[in-house]
Amino acid sequence: MTTWALSIETAARGALGEQHDALLTAVRPFLHSLPRRRARRAGNVLSCELLSAGEVRETNSYLVLIDVDLPSARALRRLAGELAEVLPAGATVSTLGEFDSLVRFPESQVIAWQTGLFGLCDAVACG
């Protein structure tokens, strides 16, 4: 599995909250549709995530992480172009690249949460 990373920047015009809402309205359906697309040789989207910068700045900054089955620079460029087409006026998208996971922490805590070692599964239904 490979993760594609893209950044989205929106210039400060008007209230940042309104720009944030406009971006979500435009991007949410696009990202939602990605895992449902017809399969291709490479670059099939498994999942995606939109992250927002936590601090108030002169721009709204976002990070899009897209997990795909097989890397494909061409598919990444194509997807970045499609994303740029749905963004509100003044927003830009930049391709940060393809990344492979090296290490994920805390591995033991994830397993512990799933197996109920912290006592949480006693109080709620765990899968």
Protein backbone atom coordinates (compact mmCIF):
# COMPACT_ATOMS: atom_id res chain seq x y z
CA MET A 1 0.00 0.00 0.00
CA THR A 2 1.17 3.52 -0.83
CA THR A 3 -0.07 6.83 0.52
CA TRP A 4 -0.36 9.84 -1.75
CA ALA A 5 -0.06 13.22 -0.07
CA LEU A 6 -1.47 16.44 -1.50
CA SER A 7 -1.78 19.88 0.05
CA ILE A 8 -4.57 22.37 -0.48
CA GLU A 9 -4.21 26.09 0.25
CA THR A 10 -6.97 28.67 0.12
CA ALA A 11 -6.06 32.36 0.13
CA ALA A 12 -7.59 34.53 2.82
CA ARG A 13 -10.58 36.31 1.34
CA GLY A 14 -13.43 37.03 3.71
CA ALA A 15 -14.09 34.87 6.74
CA LEU A 16 -11.84 31.80 6.98
CA GLY A 17 -14.74 29.80 8.41
CA GLU A 18 -16.82 30.44 5.28
CA GLN A 19 -13.89 29.40 3.08
CA HIS A 20 -13.48 26.26 5.16
CA ASP A 21 -17.16 25.37 4.68
CA ALA A 22 -16.99 26.07 0.92
CA LEU A 23 -13.95 23.82 0.57
CA LEU A 24 -15.60 21.00 2.51
CA THR A 25 -18.74 21.31 0.39
CA ALA A 26 -16.66 20.98 -2.78
CA VAL A 27 -14.15 18.34 -1.67
CA ARG A 28 -16.24 15.96 0.44
CA PRO A 29 -18.25 14.39 -2.46
CA PHE A 30 -15.08 14.09 -4.55
CA LEU A 31 -13.13 12.28 -1.82
CA HIS A 32 -16.15 10.12 -0.99
CA SER A 33 -16.33 8.93 -4.62
CA LEU A 34 -12.67 7.89 -4.91
CA PRO A 35 -12.84 4.40 -3.31
CA ARG A 36 -15.93 3.61 -5.40
CA ARG A 37 -14.28 4.17 -8.78
CA ARG A 38 -13.76 1.43 -11.34
CA ALA A 39 -10.57 -0.55 -10.71
CA ARG A 40 -7.45 0.22 -12.75
CA ARG A 41 -4.00 -1.35 -12.98
CA ALA A 42 -2.57 0.93 -10.28
CA GLY A 43 -3.61 3.86 -8.14
CA ASN A 44 -6.90 2.37 -6.94
CA VAL A 45 -8.02 4.35 -3.89
CA LEU A 46 -8.52 2.28 -0.75
CA SER A 47 -9.25 5.18 1.61
CA CYS A 48 -8.67 8.90 1.95
CA GLU A 49 -8.49 11.48 4.70
CA LEU A 50 -8.70 15.28 4.74
CA LEU A 51 -6.76 17.01 7.52
CA SER A 52 -6.99 20.69 8.43
CA ALA A 53 -4.27 22.86 9.97
CA GLY A 54 -5.12 23.46 13.60
CA GLU A 55 -3.94 27.03 13.89
CA VAL A 56 -5.48 30.23 12.55
CA ARG A 57 -3.34 31.70 9.79
CA GLU A 58 -3.71 33.85 6.72
CA THR A 59 -4.68 30.78 4.74
CA ASN A 60 -6.68 27.64 5.29
CA SER A 61 -4.24 24.76 4.88
CA TYR A 62 -5.25 21.16 4.31
CA LEU A 63 -3.50 17.86 3.83
CA VAL A 64 -5.12 15.09 1.79
CA LEU A 65 -3.86 11.56 2.44
CA ILE A 66 -4.99 8.93 -0.05
CA ASP A 67 -4.14 5.25 0.42
CA VAL A 68 -3.81 3.38 -2.88
CA ASP A 69 -3.09 -0.23 -3.79
CA LEU A 70 -0.12 0.35 -6.12
CA PRO A 71 1.94 3.49 -6.72
CA SER A 72 1.45 5.37 -9.96
CA ALA A 73 2.90 8.85 -10.50
CA ARG A 74 0.66 9.29 -13.53
CA ALA A 75 -2.50 8.40 -11.57
CA LEU A 76 -1.43 10.76 -8.78
CA ARG A 77 -0.99 13.65 -11.23
CA ARG A 78 -4.37 12.87 -12.80
CA LEU A 79 -6.10 12.79 -9.42
CA ALA A 80 -4.45 16.08 -8.36
CA GLY A 81 -5.79 17.67 -11.55
CA GLU A 82 -9.28 16.35 -10.86
CA LEU A 83 -9.12 17.68 -7.31
CA ALA A 84 -8.04 21.12 -8.56
CA GLU A 85 -11.12 21.23 -10.80
CA VAL A 86 -13.55 20.83 -7.88
CA LEU A 87 -11.84 23.31 -5.54
CA PRO A 88 -13.40 26.73 -4.91
CA ALA A 89 -11.91 29.72 -6.74
CA GLY A 90 -8.57 30.79 -5.28
CA ALA A 91 -7.70 27.37 -3.85
CA THR A 92 -4.63 25.51 -5.08
CA VAL A 93 -3.53 21.90 -4.83
CA SER A 94 0.08 20.70 -4.71
CA THR A 95 1.33 17.14 -5.01
CA LEU A 96 3.66 16.25 -2.15
CA GLY A 97 4.38 12.75 -3.44
CA GLU A 98 3.99 9.03 -2.83
CA PHE A 99 4.90 7.67 0.60
CA ASP A 100 5.30 4.14 1.92
CA SER A 101 4.73 3.34 5.58
CA LEU A 102 7.92 2.42 7.41
CA VAL A 103 6.71 2.22 11.00
CA ARG A 104 3.40 2.85 12.77
CA PHE A 105 3.27 3.53 16.49
CA PRO A 106 1.90 2.62 18.92
CA GLU A 107 1.31 -0.84 17.51
CA SER A 108 0.78 -2.39 20.93
CA GLN A 109 -1.83 0.17 21.96
CA VAL A 110 -3.92 -0.49 18.84
CA ILE A 111 -3.91 -4.19 19.62
CA ALA A 112 -4.67 -3.49 23.28
CA TRP A 113 -7.65 -1.30 22.39
CA GLN A 114 -9.03 -3.96 20.07
CA THR A 115 -8.61 -6.79 22.56
CA GLY A 116 -9.97 -4.87 25.52
CA LEU A 117 -6.81 -4.76 27.62
CA PHE A 118 -7.74 -1.26 28.77
CA GLY A 119 -11.17 -2.38 29.96
CA LEU A 120 -13.03 -0.42 27.30
CA CYS A 121 -14.45 -3.43 25.52
CA ASP A 122 -16.21 -4.45 28.72
CA ALA A 123 -18.27 -1.26 28.63
CA VAL A 124 -18.91 -1.04 24.86
CA ALA A 125 -19.29 -3.49 22.01
CA CYS A 126 -15.93 -4.09 20.35
CA GLY A 127 -15.42 -5.66 16.93
